[in-house]
Amino acid sequence: MVNDAVRQGVDEDGFPVGLKVSSRLRWQVREGRLPVVEAIRRAKRIAARRAKDDVMRSLGLVRVRGALGGSYWE
């Protein structure tokens, strides 16, 4: 690929080393179906949502689906 000295902190697929990326996103990038930048955005958004969900669960809240399709914590 590109010189390793230039891309320090990036794994073989082009993702930052500390970022947890699903195998599906990695596959989409390898196949050329999704740009790396968009895959990084999705992975960060998923990580932020999971962190928020963990905080809400640690507070004893439960995620509930609303009658119109939304979700909220109670």
C-alpha atoms as a PDB file:
ATOM      1  CA  MET A   1       0.000   0.000   0.000  1.00  0.00           C
ATOM      2  CA  VAL A   2       1.477   3.276   1.152  1.00  0.00           C
ATOM      3  CA  ASN A   3       4.700   3.795   3.069  1.00  0.00           C
ATOM      4  CA  ASP A   4       4.208   2.575   6.657  1.00  0.00           C
ATOM      5  CA  ALA A   5       6.127   5.547   8.054  1.00  0.00           C
ATOM      6  CA  VAL A   6       3.516   7.871   6.568  1.00  0.00           C
ATOM      7  CA  ARG A   7       0.541   5.879   7.852  1.00  0.00           C
ATOM      8  CA  GLN A   8       1.510   5.201  11.460  1.00  0.00           C
ATOM      9  CA  GLY A   9      -1.429   4.249  13.639  1.00  0.00           C
ATOM     10  CA  VAL A  10      -3.387   2.678  10.776  1.00  0.00           C
ATOM     11  CA  ASP A  11      -4.041  -1.039  10.261  1.00  0.00           C
ATOM     12  CA  GLU A  12      -3.861  -2.945   6.948  1.00  0.00           C
ATOM     13  CA  ASP A  13      -7.394  -1.897   5.890  1.00  0.00           C
ATOM     14  CA  GLY A  14      -6.828   1.800   6.557  1.00  0.00           C
ATOM     15  CA  PHE A  15      -8.646   2.076   9.895  1.00  0.00           C
ATOM     16  CA  PRO A  16      -7.151   3.732  12.991  1.00  0.00           C
ATOM     17  CA  VAL A  17      -5.553   1.131  15.273  1.00  0.00           C
ATOM     18  CA  GLY A  18      -7.689   1.755  18.389  1.00  0.00           C
ATOM     19  CA  LEU A  19     -11.034   1.832  16.568  1.00  0.00           C
ATOM     20  CA  LYS A  20     -13.221  -1.263  16.852  1.00  0.00           C
ATOM     21  CA  VAL A  21     -14.539  -1.996  13.353  1.00  0.00           C
ATOM     22  CA  SER A  22     -16.975  -4.769  12.476  1.00  0.00           C
ATOM     23  CA  SER A  23     -15.993  -7.416   9.961  1.00  0.00           C
ATOM     24  CA  ARG A  24     -18.879  -6.305   7.739  1.00  0.00           C
ATOM     25  CA  LEU A  25     -17.493  -2.772   7.444  1.00  0.00           C
ATOM     26  CA  ARG A  26     -14.024  -4.175   6.746  1.00  0.00           C
ATOM     27  CA  TRP A  27     -15.470  -6.405   4.019  1.00  0.00           C
ATOM     28  CA  GLN A  28     -17.333  -3.489   2.411  1.00  0.00           C
ATOM     29  CA  VAL A  29     -14.119  -1.454   2.295  1.00  0.00           C
ATOM     30  CA  ARG A  30     -12.095  -4.330   0.821  1.00  0.00           C
ATOM     31  CA  GLU A  31     -14.727  -4.907  -1.885  1.00  0.00           C
ATOM     32  CA  GLY A  32     -14.756  -1.213  -2.746  1.00  0.00           C
ATOM     33  CA  ARG A  33     -18.423  -0.797  -1.828  1.00  0.00           C
ATOM     34  CA  LEU A  34     -17.717   1.777   0.875  1.00  0.00           C
ATOM     35  CA  PRO A  35     -14.987   4.430   1.173  1.00  0.00           C
ATOM     36  CA  VAL A  36     -12.721   4.151   4.219  1.00  0.00           C
ATOM     37  CA  VAL A  37     -13.755   7.598   5.435  1.00  0.00           C
ATOM     38  CA  GLU A  38     -17.438   6.624   5.526  1.00  0.00           C
ATOM     39  CA  ALA A  39     -16.633   3.321   7.242  1.00  0.00           C
ATOM     40  CA  ILE A  40     -14.665   5.195   9.929  1.00  0.00           C
ATOM     41  CA  ARG A  41     -17.622   7.554  10.447  1.00  0.00           C
ATOM     42  CA  ARG A  42     -20.004   4.606  10.832  1.00  0.00           C
ATOM     43  CA  ALA A  43     -17.678   2.797  13.233  1.00  0.00           C
ATOM     44  CA  LYS A  44     -17.331   5.929  15.394  1.00  0.00           C
ATOM     45  CA  ARG A  45     -21.091   6.456  15.399  1.00  0.00           C
ATOM     46  CA  ILE A  46     -21.690   2.834  16.441  1.00  0.00           C
ATOM     47  CA  ALA A  47     -19.077   3.115  19.201  1.00  0.00           C
ATOM     48  CA  ALA A  48     -20.678   6.322  20.512  1.00  0.00           C
ATOM     49  CA  ARG A  49     -24.120   4.727  20.550  1.00  0.00           C
ATOM     50  CA  ARG A  50     -22.835   1.653  22.390  1.00  0.00           C
ATOM     51  CA  ALA A  51     -21.094   3.842  24.962  1.00  0.00           C
ATOM     52  CA  LYS A  52     -24.301   5.808  25.522  1.00  0.00           C
ATOM     53  CA  ASP A  53     -26.304   2.585  25.840  1.00  0.00           C
ATOM     54  CA  ASP A  54     -23.829   1.253  28.411  1.00  0.00           C
ATOM     55  CA  VAL A  55     -24.168   4.424  30.496  1.00  0.00           C
ATOM     56  CA  MET A  56     -27.963   4.267  30.389  1.00  0.00           C
ATOM     57  CA  ARG A  57     -27.975   0.596  31.410  1.00  0.00           C
ATOM     58  CA  SER A  58     -25.544   1.286  34.247  1.00  0.00           C
ATOM     59  CA  LEU A  59     -28.044   3.864  35.556  1.00  0.00           C
ATOM     60  CA  GLY A  60     -30.690   1.141  35.655  1.00  0.00           C
ATOM     61  CA  LEU A  61     -32.682   2.401  32.688  1.00  0.00           C
ATOM     62  CA  VAL A  62     -34.327   0.151  30.110  1.00  0.00           C
ATOM     63  CA  ARG A  63     -34.618   0.891  26.406  1.00  0.00           C
ATOM     64  CA  VAL A  64     -38.256   0.848  25.298  1.00  0.00           C
ATOM     65  CA  ARG A  65     -39.832   0.960  21.845  1.00  0.00           C
ATOM     66  CA  GLY A  66     -42.539   3.568  21.460  1.00  0.00           C
ATOM     67  CA  ALA A  67     -45.904   2.996  19.818  1.00  0.00           C
ATOM     68  CA  LEU A  68     -44.883   5.076  16.772  1.00  0.00           C
ATOM     69  CA  GLY A  69     -41.582   3.243  16.233  1.00  0.00           C
ATOM     70  CA  GLY A  70     -39.170   5.420  18.201  1.00  0.00           C
ATOM     71  CA  SER A  71     -37.177   4.317  21.212  1.00  0.00           C
ATOM     72  CA  TYR A  72     -36.563   5.940  24.565  1.00  0.00           C
ATOM     73  CA  TRP A  73     -35.095   5.124  27.979  1.00  0.00           C
ATOM     74  CA  GLU A  74     -37.199   4.779  31.108  1.00  0.00           C
END
